[in-house]
């Protein structure tokens, strides 16, 4: 199966459904790599440090579109959630006032997901 990955460019993050990457690939776990041993990877990640993609997902770079201003390529963004406030709703009978709901037992908002490792072709 891993031979099919050979067409990926050096440095491209690849979702991987296993704990161990195939030979010639690194987990993307925020680690340093030797620049001299992996010059192609160093061209993509000039600081010779892979991004740490554990527990995160990749988001398309805004690049001036206006949805996520101020971000730079390869920059990390922490999670953010606001209190969910839901005024209104269906009330039966005679009531006055407003119905409110605050969901306070969650610390993040996330889509449904499946856990994969991200790996990268080292060179």
PDB file of N, CA and C in Angstrom:
ATOM      1  N   UNK A   1       0.818  -1.198   0.000  1.00  0.00           N
ATOM      2  CA  UNK A   1       0.000   0.000   0.000  1.00  0.00           C
ATOM      3  C   UNK A   1       0.859   1.259   0.000  1.00  0.00           C
ATOM      4  N   UNK A   2       1.941   1.301   0.774  1.00  0.00           N
ATOM      5  CA  UNK A   2       2.710   2.537   0.874  1.00  0.00           C
ATOM      6  C   UNK A   2       3.419   2.874  -0.419  1.00  0.00           C
ATOM      7  N   UNK A   3       3.643   1.921  -1.307  1.00  0.00           N
ATOM      8  CA  UNK A   3       4.287   2.228  -2.588  1.00  0.00           C
ATOM      9  C   UNK A   3       3.436   3.195  -3.420  1.00  0.00           C
ATOM     10  N   UNK A   4       2.139   3.154  -3.211  1.00  0.00           N
ATOM     11  CA  UNK A   4       1.251   4.067  -3.931  1.00  0.00           C
ATOM     12  C   UNK A   4       1.462   5.519  -3.509  1.00  0.00           C
ATOM     13  N   UNK A   5       2.081   5.758  -2.369  1.00  0.00           N
ATOM     14  CA  UNK A   5       2.327   7.115  -1.880  1.00  0.00           C
ATOM     15  C   UNK A   5       3.516   7.772  -2.567  1.00  0.00           C
ATOM     16  N   UNK A   6       4.278   7.047  -3.323  1.00  0.00           N
ATOM     17  CA  UNK A   6       5.511   7.582  -3.895  1.00  0.00           C
ATOM     18  C   UNK A   6       5.288   8.781  -4.804  1.00  0.00           C
ATOM     19  N   UNK A   7       4.087   8.985  -5.324  1.00  0.00           N
ATOM     20  CA  UNK A   7       3.808  10.128  -6.181  1.00  0.00           C
ATOM     21  C   UNK A   7       3.594  11.434  -5.436  1.00  0.00           C
ATOM     22  N   UNK A   8       3.473  11.386  -4.127  1.00  0.00           N
ATOM     23  CA  UNK A   8       3.286  12.614  -3.351  1.00  0.00           C
ATOM     24  C   UNK A   8       4.572  13.429  -3.356  1.00  0.00           C
ATOM     25  N   UNK A   9       4.459  14.759  -3.479  1.00  0.00           N
ATOM     26  CA  UNK A   9       5.652  15.606  -3.383  1.00  0.00           C
ATOM     27  C   UNK A   9       6.253  15.567  -1.984  1.00  0.00           C
ATOM     28  N   UNK A  10       7.545  15.728  -1.900  1.00  0.00           N
ATOM     29  CA  UNK A  10       8.222  15.821  -0.606  1.00  0.00           C
ATOM     30  C   UNK A  10       7.609  16.980   0.182  1.00  0.00           C
ATOM     31  N   UNK A  11       7.276  16.715   1.435  1.00  0.00           N
ATOM     32  CA  UNK A  11       6.738  17.753   2.310  1.00  0.00           C
ATOM     33  C   UNK A  11       5.226  17.831   2.373  1.00  0.00           C
ATOM     34  N   UNK A  12       4.514  17.140   1.484  1.00  0.00           N
ATOM     35  CA  UNK A  12       3.049  17.192   1.505  1.00  0.00           C
ATOM     36  C   UNK A  12       2.494  16.363   2.652  1.00  0.00           C
ATOM     37  N   UNK A  13       1.639  16.945   3.497  1.00  0.00           N
ATOM     38  CA  UNK A  13       1.005  16.158   4.550  1.00  0.00           C
ATOM     39  C   UNK A  13       0.074  15.111   3.934  1.00  0.00           C
ATOM     40  N   UNK A  14       0.142  13.905   4.465  1.00  0.00           N
ATOM     41  CA  UNK A  14      -0.663  12.795   3.952  1.00  0.00           C
ATOM     42  C   UNK A  14      -1.394  12.162   5.142  1.00  0.00           C
ATOM     43  N   UNK A  15      -2.728  12.060   5.087  1.00  0.00           N
ATOM     44  CA  UNK A  15      -3.423  11.329   6.153  1.00  0.00           C
ATOM     45  C   UNK A  15      -3.015   9.852   6.100  1.00  0.00           C
ATOM     46  N   UNK A  16      -2.720   9.272   7.274  1.00  0.00           N
ATOM     47  CA  UNK A  16      -2.213   7.902   7.329  1.00  0.00           C
ATOM     48  C   UNK A  16      -2.986   7.120   8.383  1.00  0.00           C
ATOM     49  N   UNK A  17      -3.609   5.987   8.001  1.00  0.00           N
ATOM     50  CA  UNK A  17      -4.477   5.258   8.920  1.00  0.00           C
ATOM     51  C   UNK A  17      -3.763   4.231   9.794  1.00  0.00           C
ATOM     52  N   UNK A  18      -2.551   4.533  10.203  1.00  0.00           N
ATOM     53  CA  UNK A  18      -1.777   3.601  11.009  1.00  0.00           C
ATOM     54  C   UNK A  18      -0.931   4.381  12.006  1.00  0.00           C
ATOM     55  N   UNK A  19      -0.479   3.696  13.046  1.00  0.00           N
ATOM     56  CA  UNK A  19       0.358   4.324  14.067  1.00  0.00           C
ATOM     57  C   UNK A  19       1.768   4.561  13.538  1.00  0.00           C
ATOM     58  N   UNK A  20       2.267   3.672  12.699  1.00  0.00           N
ATOM     59  CA  UNK A  20       3.645   3.729  12.221  1.00  0.00           C
ATOM     60  C   UNK A  20       3.688   4.150  10.754  1.00  0.00           C
ATOM     61  N   UNK A  21       4.486   5.174  10.429  1.00  0.00           N
ATOM     62  CA  UNK A  21       4.604   5.568   9.015  1.00  0.00           C
ATOM     63  C   UNK A  21       5.452   4.554   8.245  1.00  0.00           C
ATOM     64  N   UNK A  22       5.280   4.504   6.932  1.00  0.00           N
ATOM     65  CA  UNK A  22       6.117   3.605   6.134  1.00  0.00           C
ATOM     66  C   UNK A  22       7.555   4.124   6.071  1.00  0.00           C
ATOM     67  N   UNK A  23       8.495   3.298   5.641  1.00  0.00           N
ATOM     68  CA  UNK A  23       9.888   3.746   5.514  1.00  0.00           C
ATOM     69  C   UNK A  23       9.991   4.966   4.594  1.00  0.00           C
ATOM     70  N   UNK A  24      10.813   5.934   5.007  1.00  0.00           N
ATOM     71  CA  UNK A  24      11.011   7.146   4.214  1.00  0.00           C
ATOM     72  C   UNK A  24      10.016   8.250   4.510  1.00  0.00           C
ATOM     73  N   UNK A  25       9.149   8.048   5.501  1.00  0.00           N
ATOM     74  CA  UNK A  25       8.139   9.033   5.883  1.00  0.00           C
ATOM     75  C   UNK A  25       8.264   9.331   7.372  1.00  0.00           C
ATOM     76  N   UNK A  26       7.915  10.563   7.755  1.00  0.00           N
ATOM     77  CA  UNK A  26       7.921  10.969   9.162  1.00  0.00           C
ATOM     78  C   UNK A  26       6.496  11.266   9.596  1.00  0.00           C
ATOM     79  N   UNK A  27       6.198  11.005  10.870  1.00  0.00           N
ATOM     80  CA  UNK A  27       4.980  11.536  11.460  1.00  0.00           C
ATOM     81  C   UNK A  27       5.137  13.047  11.570  1.00  0.00           C
ATOM     82  N   UNK A  28       4.075  13.784  11.390  1.00  0.00           N
ATOM     83  CA  UNK A  28       4.128  15.237  11.533  1.00  0.00           C
ATOM     84  C   UNK A  28       3.751  15.564  12.970  1.00  0.00           C
ATOM     85  N   UNK A  29       4.787  15.552  13.835  1.00  0.00           N
ATOM     86  CA  UNK A  29       4.585  15.682  15.279  1.00  0.00           C
ATOM     87  C   UNK A  29       5.406  16.821  15.877  1.00  0.00           C
ATOM     88  N   UNK A  30       5.758  17.820  15.077  1.00  0.00           N
ATOM     89  CA  UNK A  30       6.464  18.980  15.597  1.00  0.00           C
ATOM     90  C   UNK A  30       7.948  18.784  15.830  1.00  0.00           C
ATOM     91  N   UNK A  31       8.512  17.718  15.301  1.00  0.00           N
ATOM     92  CA  UNK A  31       9.913  17.405  15.578  1.00  0.00           C
ATOM     93  C   UNK A  31      10.864  18.067  14.564  1.00  0.00           C
ATOM     94  N   UNK A  32      12.088  18.254  15.022  1.00  0.00           N
ATOM     95  CA  UNK A  32      13.168  18.728  14.155  1.00  0.00           C
ATOM     96  C   UNK A  32      13.641  17.565  13.288  1.00  0.00           C
ATOM     97  N   UNK A  33      14.169  17.907  12.117  1.00  0.00           N
ATOM     98  CA  UNK A  33      14.794  16.904  11.257  1.00  0.00           C
ATOM     99  C   UNK A  33      16.115  17.485  10.768  1.00  0.00           C
ATOM    100  N   UNK A  34      17.095  16.641  10.449  1.00  0.00           N
ATOM    101  CA  UNK A  34      18.397  17.145   9.997  1.00  0.00           C
ATOM    102  C   UNK A  34      18.310  17.719   8.576  1.00  0.00           C
ATOM    103  N   UNK A  35      18.506  19.029   8.457  1.00  0.00           N
ATOM    104  CA  UNK A  35      18.377  19.716   7.166  1.00  0.00           C
ATOM    105  C   UNK A  35      19.297  19.122   6.105  1.00  0.00           C
ATOM    106  N   UNK A  36      20.531  18.836   6.488  1.00  0.00           N
ATOM    107  CA  UNK A  36      21.498  18.316   5.521  1.00  0.00           C
ATOM    108  C   UNK A  36      21.134  16.943   4.991  1.00  0.00           C
ATOM    109  N   UNK A  37      20.459  16.146   5.796  1.00  0.00           N
ATOM    110  CA  UNK A  37      20.056  14.803   5.366  1.00  0.00           C
ATOM    111  C   UNK A  37      18.792  14.820   4.514  1.00  0.00           C
ATOM    112  N   UNK A  38      17.985  15.871   4.640  1.00  0.00           N
ATOM    113  CA  UNK A  38      16.710  15.964   3.925  1.00  0.00           C
ATOM    114  C   UNK A  38      16.577  17.354   3.278  1.00  0.00           C
ATOM    115  N   UNK A  39      17.402  17.653   2.265  1.00  0.00           N
ATOM    116  CA  UNK A  39      17.381  18.999   1.675  1.00  0.00           C
ATOM    117  C   UNK A  39      16.045  19.349   1.009  1.00  0.00           C
ATOM    118  N   UNK A  40      15.369  18.374   0.411  1.00  0.00           N
ATOM    119  CA  UNK A  40      14.065  18.648  -0.197  1.00  0.00           C
ATOM    120  C   UNK A  40      13.036  19.026   0.842  1.00  0.00           C
ATOM    121  N   UNK A  41      13.038  18.341   1.953  1.00  0.00           N
ATOM    122  CA  UNK A  41      12.120  18.650   3.041  1.00  0.00           C
ATOM    123  C   UNK A  41      12.463  20.008   3.655  1.00  0.00           C
ATOM    124  N   UNK A  42      13.756  20.323   3.721  1.00  0.00           N
ATOM    125  CA  UNK A  42      14.195  21.623   4.257  1.00  0.00           C
ATOM    126  C   UNK A  42      13.761  22.778   3.357  1.00  0.00           C
ATOM    127  N   UNK A  43      13.605  22.547   2.074  1.00  0.00           N
ATOM    128  CA  UNK A  43      13.101  23.608   1.181  1.00  0.00           C
ATOM    129  C   UNK A  43      11.628  23.913   1.472  1.00  0.00           C
ATOM    130  N   UNK A  44      10.881  22.903   1.862  1.00  0.00           N
ATOM    131  CA  UNK A  44       9.465  23.094   2.172  1.00  0.00           C
ATOM    132  C   UNK A  44       9.279  23.643   3.586  1.00  0.00           C
ATOM    133  N   UNK A  45      10.088  23.155   4.513  1.00  0.00           N
ATOM    134  CA  UNK A  45      10.047  23.592   5.921  1.00  0.00           C
ATOM    135  C   UNK A  45      11.426  24.145   6.274  1.00  0.00           C
ATOM    136  N   UNK A  46      11.698  25.415   5.899  1.00  0.00           N
ATOM    137  CA  UNK A  46      13.047  25.977   6.029  1.00  0.00           C
ATOM    138  C   UNK A  46      13.594  26.022   7.447  1.00  0.00           C
ATOM    139  N   UNK A  47      12.753  25.995   8.442  1.00  0.00           N
ATOM    140  CA  UNK A  47      13.233  25.972   9.827  1.00  0.00           C
ATOM    141  C   UNK A  47      13.638  24.578  10.274  1.00  0.00           C
ATOM    142  N   UNK A  48      13.476  23.595   9.393  1.00  0.00           N
ATOM    143  CA  UNK A  48      13.806  22.194   9.677  1.00  0.00           C
ATOM    144  C   UNK A  48      13.040  21.646  10.881  1.00  0.00           C
ATOM    145  N   UNK A  49      11.787  22.099  10.996  1.00  0.00           N
ATOM    146  CA  UNK A  49      10.859  21.608  12.019  1.00  0.00           C
ATOM    147  C   UNK A  49       9.543  21.308  11.311  1.00  0.00           C
ATOM    148  N   UNK A  50       9.033  20.086  11.505  1.00  0.00           N
ATOM    149  CA  UNK A  50       7.747  19.732  10.920  1.00  0.00           C
ATOM    150  C   UNK A  50       6.616  20.317  11.755  1.00  0.00           C
ATOM    151  N   UNK A  51       5.517  20.713  11.124  1.00  0.00           N
ATOM    152  CA  UNK A  51       4.366  21.145  11.914  1.00  0.00           C
ATOM    153  C   UNK A  51       3.847  19.992  12.770  1.00  0.00           C
ATOM    154  N   UNK A  52       3.295  20.315  13.915  1.00  0.00           N
ATOM    155  CA  UNK A  52       2.706  19.316  14.787  1.00  0.00           C
ATOM    156  C   UNK A  52       1.218  19.220  14.445  1.00  0.00           C
ATOM    157  N   UNK A  53       0.846  18.194  13.708  1.00  0.00           N
ATOM    158  CA  UNK A  53      -0.540  18.043  13.277  1.00  0.00           C
ATOM    159  C   UNK A  53      -1.323  17.056  14.141  1.00  0.00           C
ATOM    160  N   UNK A  54      -0.744  16.665  15.265  1.00  0.00           N
ATOM    161  CA  UNK A  54      -1.462  15.765  16.170  1.00  0.00           C
ATOM    162  C   UNK A  54      -2.651  16.497  16.783  1.00  0.00           C
ATOM    163  N   UNK A  55      -3.829  15.918  16.634  1.00  0.00           N
ATOM    164  CA  UNK A  55      -5.027  16.484  17.240  1.00  0.00           C
ATOM    165  C   UNK A  55      -5.532  17.752  16.584  1.00  0.00           C
ATOM    166  N   UNK A  56      -5.017  18.099  15.417  1.00  0.00           N
ATOM    167  CA  UNK A  56      -5.461  19.297  14.701  1.00  0.00           C
ATOM    168  C   UNK A  56      -5.877  18.903  13.288  1.00  0.00           C
ATOM    169  N   UNK A  57      -6.454  19.846  12.582  1.00  0.00           N
ATOM    170  CA  UNK A  57      -6.748  19.616  11.180  1.00  0.00           C
ATOM    171  C   UNK A  57      -6.178  20.758  10.359  1.00  0.00           C
ATOM    172  N   UNK A  58      -6.002  20.517   9.099  1.00  0.00           N
ATOM    173  CA  UNK A  58      -5.436  21.513   8.187  1.00  0.00           C
ATOM    174  C   UNK A  58      -6.563  22.411   7.685  1.00  0.00           C
ATOM    175  N   UNK A  59      -6.317  23.706   7.684  1.00  0.00           N
ATOM    176  CA  UNK A  59      -7.279  24.678   7.175  1.00  0.00           C
ATOM    177  C   UNK A  59      -6.652  25.409   5.997  1.00  0.00           C
ATOM    178  N   UNK A  60      -7.405  25.578   4.957  1.00  0.00           N
ATOM    179  CA  UNK A  60      -6.901  26.307   3.791  1.00  0.00           C
ATOM    180  C   UNK A  60      -6.498  27.724   4.170  1.00  0.00           C
ATOM    181  N   UNK A  61      -5.349  28.159   3.672  1.00  0.00           N
ATOM    182  CA  UNK A  61      -4.835  29.501   3.959  1.00  0.00           C
ATOM    183  C   UNK A  61      -5.714  30.545   3.283  1.00  0.00           C
ATOM    184  N   UNK A  62      -6.057  31.610   3.991  1.00  0.00           N
ATOM    185  CA  UNK A  62      -6.914  32.676   3.495  1.00  0.00           C
ATOM    186  C   UNK A  62      -6.302  33.400   2.296  1.00  0.00           C
ATOM    187  N   UNK A  63      -5.006  33.711   2.369  1.00  0.00           N
ATOM    188  CA  UNK A  63      -4.276  34.358   1.270  1.00  0.00           C
ATOM    189  C   UNK A  63      -4.995  35.579   0.698  1.00  0.00           C
ATOM    190  N   UNK A  64      -5.528  36.423   1.610  1.00  0.00           N
ATOM    191  CA  UNK A  64      -6.144  37.676   1.185  1.00  0.00           C
ATOM    192  C   UNK A  64      -7.629  37.598   0.875  1.00  0.00           C
ATOM    193  N   UNK A  65      -8.254  36.450   1.045  1.00  0.00           N
ATOM    194  CA  UNK A  65      -9.674  36.318   0.720  1.00  0.00           C
ATOM    195  C   UNK A  65     -10.561  37.092   1.692  1.00  0.00           C
ATOM    196  N   UNK A  66     -10.144  37.208   2.951  1.00  0.00           N
ATOM    197  CA  UNK A  66     -10.886  38.009   3.904  1.00  0.00           C
ATOM    198  C   UNK A  66     -11.642  37.235   4.970  1.00  0.00           C
ATOM    199  N   UNK A  67     -11.602  35.910   4.966  1.00  0.00           N
ATOM    200  CA  UNK A  67     -12.281  35.133   6.000  1.00  0.00           C
ATOM    201  C   UNK A  67     -11.440  34.986   7.258  1.00  0.00           C
ATOM    202  N   UNK A  68     -10.136  34.948   7.098  1.00  0.00           N
ATOM    203  CA  UNK A  68      -9.228  34.683   8.210  1.00  0.00           C
ATOM    204  C   UNK A  68      -8.004  35.586   8.076  1.00  0.00           C
ATOM    205  N   UNK A  69      -8.255  36.884   8.124  1.00  0.00           N
ATOM    206  CA  UNK A  69      -7.202  37.882   7.893  1.00  0.00           C
ATOM    207  C   UNK A  69      -6.043  37.751   8.875  1.00  0.00           C
ATOM    208  N   UNK A  70      -4.856  38.065   8.405  1.00  0.00           N
ATOM    209  CA  UNK A  70      -3.692  38.127   9.266  1.00  0.00           C
ATOM    210  C   UNK A  70      -2.942  36.822   9.427  1.00  0.00           C
ATOM    211  N   UNK A  71      -3.459  35.731   8.929  1.00  0.00           N
ATOM    212  CA  UNK A  71      -2.774  34.446   9.049  1.00  0.00           C
ATOM    213  C   UNK A  71      -1.645  34.379   8.027  1.00  0.00           C
ATOM    214  N   UNK A  72      -0.599  33.684   8.389  1.00  0.00           N
ATOM    215  CA  UNK A  72       0.497  33.417   7.456  1.00  0.00           C
ATOM    216  C   UNK A  72       0.531  31.919   7.182  1.00  0.00           C
ATOM    217  N   UNK A  73       1.160  31.555   6.099  1.00  0.00           N
ATOM    218  CA  UNK A  73       1.260  30.143   5.738  1.00  0.00           C
ATOM    219  C   UNK A  73       2.006  29.393   6.849  1.00  0.00           C
ATOM    220  N   UNK A  74       1.550  28.217   7.188  1.00  0.00           N
ATOM    221  CA  UNK A  74       2.086  27.346   8.238  1.00  0.00           C
ATOM    222  C   UNK A  74       1.876  27.884   9.655  1.00  0.00           C
ATOM    223  N   UNK A  75       1.040  28.918   9.832  1.00  0.00           N
ATOM    224  CA  UNK A  75       0.819  29.433  11.181  1.00  0.00           C
ATOM    225  C   UNK A  75      -0.207  28.584  11.926  1.00  0.00           C
ATOM    226  N   UNK A  76      -0.026  28.482  13.234  1.00  0.00           N
ATOM    227  CA  UNK A  76      -0.930  27.737  14.098  1.00  0.00           C
ATOM    228  C   UNK A  76      -2.017  28.675  14.606  1.00  0.00           C
ATOM    229  N   UNK A  77      -3.224  28.158  14.747  1.00  0.00           N
ATOM    230  CA  UNK A  77      -4.320  28.935  15.314  1.00  0.00           C
ATOM    231  C   UNK A  77      -5.007  28.072  16.373  1.00  0.00           C
ATOM    232  N   UNK A  78      -5.085  28.580  17.583  1.00  0.00           N
ATOM    233  CA  UNK A  78      -5.724  27.847  18.680  1.00  0.00           C
ATOM    234  C   UNK A  78      -7.227  27.770  18.456  1.00  0.00           C
ATOM    235  N   UNK A  79      -7.859  26.855  19.162  1.00  0.00           N
ATOM    236  CA  UNK A  79      -9.305  26.740  19.038  1.00  0.00           C
ATOM    237  C   UNK A  79      -9.983  27.913  19.714  1.00  0.00           C
ATOM    238  N   UNK A  80     -11.223  28.128  19.335  1.00  0.00           N
ATOM    239  CA  UNK A  80     -12.010  29.199  19.924  1.00  0.00           C
ATOM    240  C   UNK A  80     -13.458  28.749  19.896  1.00  0.00           C
ATOM    241  N   UNK A  81     -14.138  28.965  20.973  1.00  0.00           N
ATOM    242  CA  UNK A  81     -15.578  28.723  20.981  1.00  0.00           C
ATOM    243  C   UNK A  81     -16.224  29.819  21.805  1.00  0.00           C
ATOM    244  N   UNK A  82     -17.361  30.207  21.367  1.00  0.00           N
ATOM    245  CA  UNK A  82     -18.138  31.196  22.087  1.00  0.00           C
ATOM    246  C   UNK A  82     -19.282  30.482  22.778  1.00  0.00           C
ATOM    247  N   UNK A  83     -19.821  31.093  23.813  1.00  0.00           N
ATOM    248  CA  UNK A  83     -21.006  30.511  24.431  1.00  0.00           C
ATOM    249  C   UNK A  83     -22.117  30.521  23.394  1.00  0.00           C
ATOM    250  N   UNK A  84     -22.830  29.437  23.329  1.00  0.00           N
ATOM    251  CA  UNK A  84     -23.923  29.328  22.372  1.00  0.00           C
ATOM    252  C   UNK A  84     -25.179  29.859  23.048  1.00  0.00           C
ATOM    253  N   UNK A  85     -25.737  30.876  22.457  1.00  0.00           N
ATOM    254  CA  UNK A  85     -26.907  31.546  23.008  1.00  0.00           C
ATOM    255  C   UNK A  85     -28.035  31.359  22.015  1.00  0.00           C
ATOM    256  N   UNK A  86     -29.124  30.775  22.454  1.00  0.00           N
ATOM    257  CA  UNK A  86     -30.218  30.461  21.556  1.00  0.00           C
ATOM    258  C   UNK A  86     -31.502  31.071  22.100  1.00  0.00           C
ATOM    259  N   UNK A  87     -31.793  32.323  21.723  1.00  0.00           N
ATOM    260  CA  UNK A  87     -33.028  32.928  22.208  1.00  0.00           C
ATOM    261  C   UNK A  87     -34.237  32.350  21.474  1.00  0.00           C
ATOM    262  N   UNK A  88     -35.349  32.371  22.142  1.00  0.00           N
ATOM    263  CA  UNK A  88     -36.585  31.965  21.473  1.00  0.00           C
ATOM    264  C   UNK A  88     -36.839  30.490  21.611  1.00  0.00           C
ATOM    265  N   UNK A  89     -37.364  29.936  20.582  1.00  0.00           N
ATOM    266  CA  UNK A  89     -37.760  28.542  20.620  1.00  0.00           C
ATOM    267  C   UNK A  89     -39.269  28.462  20.673  1.00  0.00           C
ATOM    268  N   UNK A  90     -39.784  27.293  20.810  1.00  0.00           N
ATOM    269  CA  UNK A  90     -41.232  27.080  20.835  1.00  0.00           C
ATOM    270  C   UNK A  90     -41.712  27.057  22.281  1.00  0.00           C
ATOM    271  N   UNK A  91     -42.627  27.929  22.603  1.00  0.00           N
ATOM    272  CA  UNK A  91     -43.218  27.972  23.936  1.00  0.00           C
ATOM    273  C   UNK A  91     -44.707  27.684  23.805  1.00  0.00           C
ATOM    274  N   UNK A  92     -45.206  26.760  24.607  1.00  0.00           N
ATOM    275  CA  UNK A  92     -46.624  26.448  24.581  1.00  0.00           C
ATOM    276  C   UNK A  92     -47.311  27.138  25.746  1.00  0.00           C
ATOM    277  N   UNK A  93     -48.496  27.546  25.543  1.00  0.00           N
ATOM    278  CA  UNK A  93     -49.255  28.175  26.617  1.00  0.00           C
ATOM    279  C   UNK A  93     -48.994  29.661  26.670  1.00  0.00           C
ATOM    280  N   UNK A  94     -49.306  30.253  27.815  1.00  0.00           N
ATOM    281  CA  UNK A  94     -49.127  31.685  28.003  1.00  0.00           C
ATOM    282  C   UNK A  94     -47.870  31.921  28.824  1.00  0.00           C
ATOM    283  N   UNK A  95     -46.874  32.476  28.197  1.00  0.00           N
ATOM    284  CA  UNK A  95     -45.602  32.732  28.879  1.00  0.00           C
ATOM    285  C   UNK A  95     -45.114  34.128  28.506  1.00  0.00           C
ATOM    286  N   UNK A  96     -44.353  34.694  29.354  1.00  0.00           N
ATOM    287  CA  UNK A  96     -43.709  35.956  29.019  1.00  0.00           C
ATOM    288  C   UNK A  96     -42.212  35.776  29.210  1.00  0.00           C
ATOM    289  N   UNK A  97     -41.448  36.628  28.611  1.00  0.00           N
ATOM    290  CA  UNK A  97     -39.999  36.529  28.722  1.00  0.00           C
ATOM    291  C   UNK A  97     -39.408  35.802  27.530  1.00  0.00           C
ATOM    292  N   UNK A  98     -38.191  35.330  27.702  1.00  0.00           N
ATOM    293  CA  UNK A  98     -37.471  34.711  26.601  1.00  0.00           C
ATOM    294  C   UNK A  98     -36.799  33.434  27.084  1.00  0.00           C
ATOM    295  N   UNK A  99     -36.780  32.425  26.258  1.00  0.00           N
ATOM    296  CA  UNK A  99     -36.090  31.179  26.602  1.00  0.00           C
ATOM    297  C   UNK A  99     -34.642  31.303  26.164  1.00  0.00           C
ATOM    298  N   UNK A 100     -33.720  30.924  27.036  1.00  0.00           N
ATOM    299  CA  UNK A 100     -32.293  30.992  26.739  1.00  0.00           C
ATOM    300  C   UNK A 100     -31.658  29.643  27.016  1.00  0.00           C
ATOM    301  N   UNK A 101     -30.622  29.329  26.259  1.00  0.00           N
ATOM    302  CA  UNK A 101     -29.898  28.073  26.484  1.00  0.00           C
ATOM    303  C   UNK A 101     -28.406  28.335  26.329  1.00  0.00           C
ATOM    304  N   UNK A 102     -27.671  28.081  27.368  1.00  0.00           N
ATOM    305  CA  UNK A 102     -26.224  28.177  27.325  1.00  0.00           C
ATOM    306  C   UNK A 102     -25.658  26.782  27.511  1.00  0.00           C
ATOM    307  N   UNK A 103     -24.870  26.333  26.574  1.00  0.00           N
ATOM    308  CA  UNK A 103     -24.237  25.016  26.683  1.00  0.00           C
ATOM    309  C   UNK A 103     -22.883  25.227  27.333  1.00  0.00           C
ATOM    310  N   UNK A 104     -22.752  24.850  28.597  1.00  0.00           N
ATOM    311  CA  UNK A 104     -21.549  25.201  29.350  1.00  0.00           C
ATOM    312  C   UNK A 104     -20.607  24.036  29.606  1.00  0.00           C
ATOM    313  N   UNK A 105     -20.948  22.822  29.179  1.00  0.00           N
ATOM    314  CA  UNK A 105     -20.073  21.696  29.493  1.00  0.00           C
ATOM    315  C   UNK A 105     -19.187  21.282  28.321  1.00  0.00           C
ATOM    316  N   UNK A 106     -18.992  22.173  27.386  1.00  0.00           N
ATOM    317  CA  UNK A 106     -18.098  21.881  26.273  1.00  0.00           C
ATOM    318  C   UNK A 106     -17.057  22.983  26.161  1.00  0.00           C
ATOM    319  N   UNK A 107     -15.861  22.634  25.724  1.00  0.00           N
ATOM    320  CA  UNK A 107     -14.780  23.609  25.621  1.00  0.00           C
ATOM    321  C   UNK A 107     -14.387  23.876  24.171  1.00  0.00           C
ATOM    322  N   UNK A 108     -15.032  23.209  23.219  1.00  0.00           N
ATOM    323  CA  UNK A 108     -14.701  23.431  21.826  1.00  0.00           C
ATOM    324  C   UNK A 108     -15.894  23.060  20.959  1.00  0.00           C
ATOM    325  N   UNK A 109     -15.866  23.534  19.755  1.00  0.00           N
ATOM    326  CA  UNK A 109     -16.850  23.165  18.749  1.00  0.00           C
ATOM    327  C   UNK A 109     -16.075  22.463  17.652  1.00  0.00           C
ATOM    328  N   UNK A 110     -16.483  21.267  17.285  1.00  0.00           N
ATOM    329  CA  UNK A 110     -15.735  20.526  16.277  1.00  0.00           C
ATOM    330  C   UNK A 110     -16.678  19.733  15.393  1.00  0.00           C
ATOM    331  N   UNK A 111     -16.268  19.508  14.146  1.00  0.00           N
ATOM    332  CA  UNK A 111     -17.070  18.660  13.263  1.00  0.00           C
ATOM    333  C   UNK A 111     -16.854  17.188  13.606  1.00  0.00           C
ATOM    334  N   UNK A 112     -17.725  16.329  13.129  1.00  0.00           N
ATOM    335  CA  UNK A 112     -17.511  14.898  13.269  1.00  0.00           C
ATOM    336  C   UNK A 112     -16.200  14.551  12.590  1.00  0.00           C
ATOM    337  N   UNK A 113     -15.469  13.580  13.130  1.00  0.00           N
ATOM    338  CA  UNK A 113     -14.154  13.302  12.574  1.00  0.00           C
ATOM    339  C   UNK A 113     -13.700  11.891  12.874  1.00  0.00           C
ATOM    340  N   UNK A 114     -12.659  11.473  12.189  1.00  0.00           N
ATOM    341  CA  UNK A 114     -11.988  10.191  12.406  1.00  0.00           C
ATOM    342  C   UNK A 114     -10.513  10.491  12.594  1.00  0.00           C
ATOM    343  N   UNK A 115      -9.887   9.862  13.574  1.00  0.00           N
ATOM    344  CA  UNK A 115      -8.482  10.137  13.894  1.00  0.00           C
ATOM    345  C   UNK A 115      -7.544   9.394  12.941  1.00  0.00           C
ATOM    346  N   UNK A 116      -6.702  10.140  12.273  1.00  0.00           N
ATOM    347  CA  UNK A 116      -5.631   9.632  11.424  1.00  0.00           C
ATOM    348  C   UNK A 116      -4.340  10.300  11.883  1.00  0.00           C
ATOM    349  N   UNK A 117      -3.217   9.706  11.576  1.00  0.00           N
ATOM    350  CA  UNK A 117      -1.936  10.391  11.680  1.00  0.00           C
ATOM    351  C   UNK A 117      -1.724  11.176  10.397  1.00  0.00           C
ATOM    352  N   UNK A 118      -0.927  12.237  10.482  1.00  0.00           N
ATOM    353  CA  UNK A 118      -0.421  12.879   9.277  1.00  0.00           C
ATOM    354  C   UNK A 118       1.041  12.488   9.158  1.00  0.00           C
ATOM    355  N   UNK A 119       1.422  12.089   7.959  1.00  0.00           N
ATOM    356  CA  UNK A 119       2.815  11.759   7.686  1.00  0.00           C
ATOM    357  C   UNK A 119       3.297  12.643   6.548  1.00  0.00           C
ATOM    358  N   UNK A 120       4.607  12.652   6.353  1.00  0.00           N
ATOM    359  CA  UNK A 120       5.208  13.451   5.295  1.00  0.00           C
ATOM    360  C   UNK A 120       6.343  12.646   4.682  1.00  0.00           C
ATOM    361  N   UNK A 121       6.454  12.736   3.356  1.00  0.00           N
ATOM    362  CA  UNK A 121       7.557  12.083   2.660  1.00  0.00           C
ATOM    363  C   UNK A 121       8.835  12.853   2.975  1.00  0.00           C
ATOM    364  N   UNK A 122       9.815  12.145   3.507  1.00  0.00           N
ATOM    365  CA  UNK A 122      11.034  12.809   3.973  1.00  0.00           C
ATOM    366  C   UNK A 122      11.998  13.130   2.841  1.00  0.00           C
ATOM    367  N   UNK A 123      12.041  12.369   1.843  1.00  0.00           N
ATOM    368  CA  UNK A 123      12.986  12.664   0.766  1.00  0.00           C
ATOM    369  C   UNK A 123      13.331  11.456   0.051  1.00  0.00           C
TER     370      UNK A 123
END
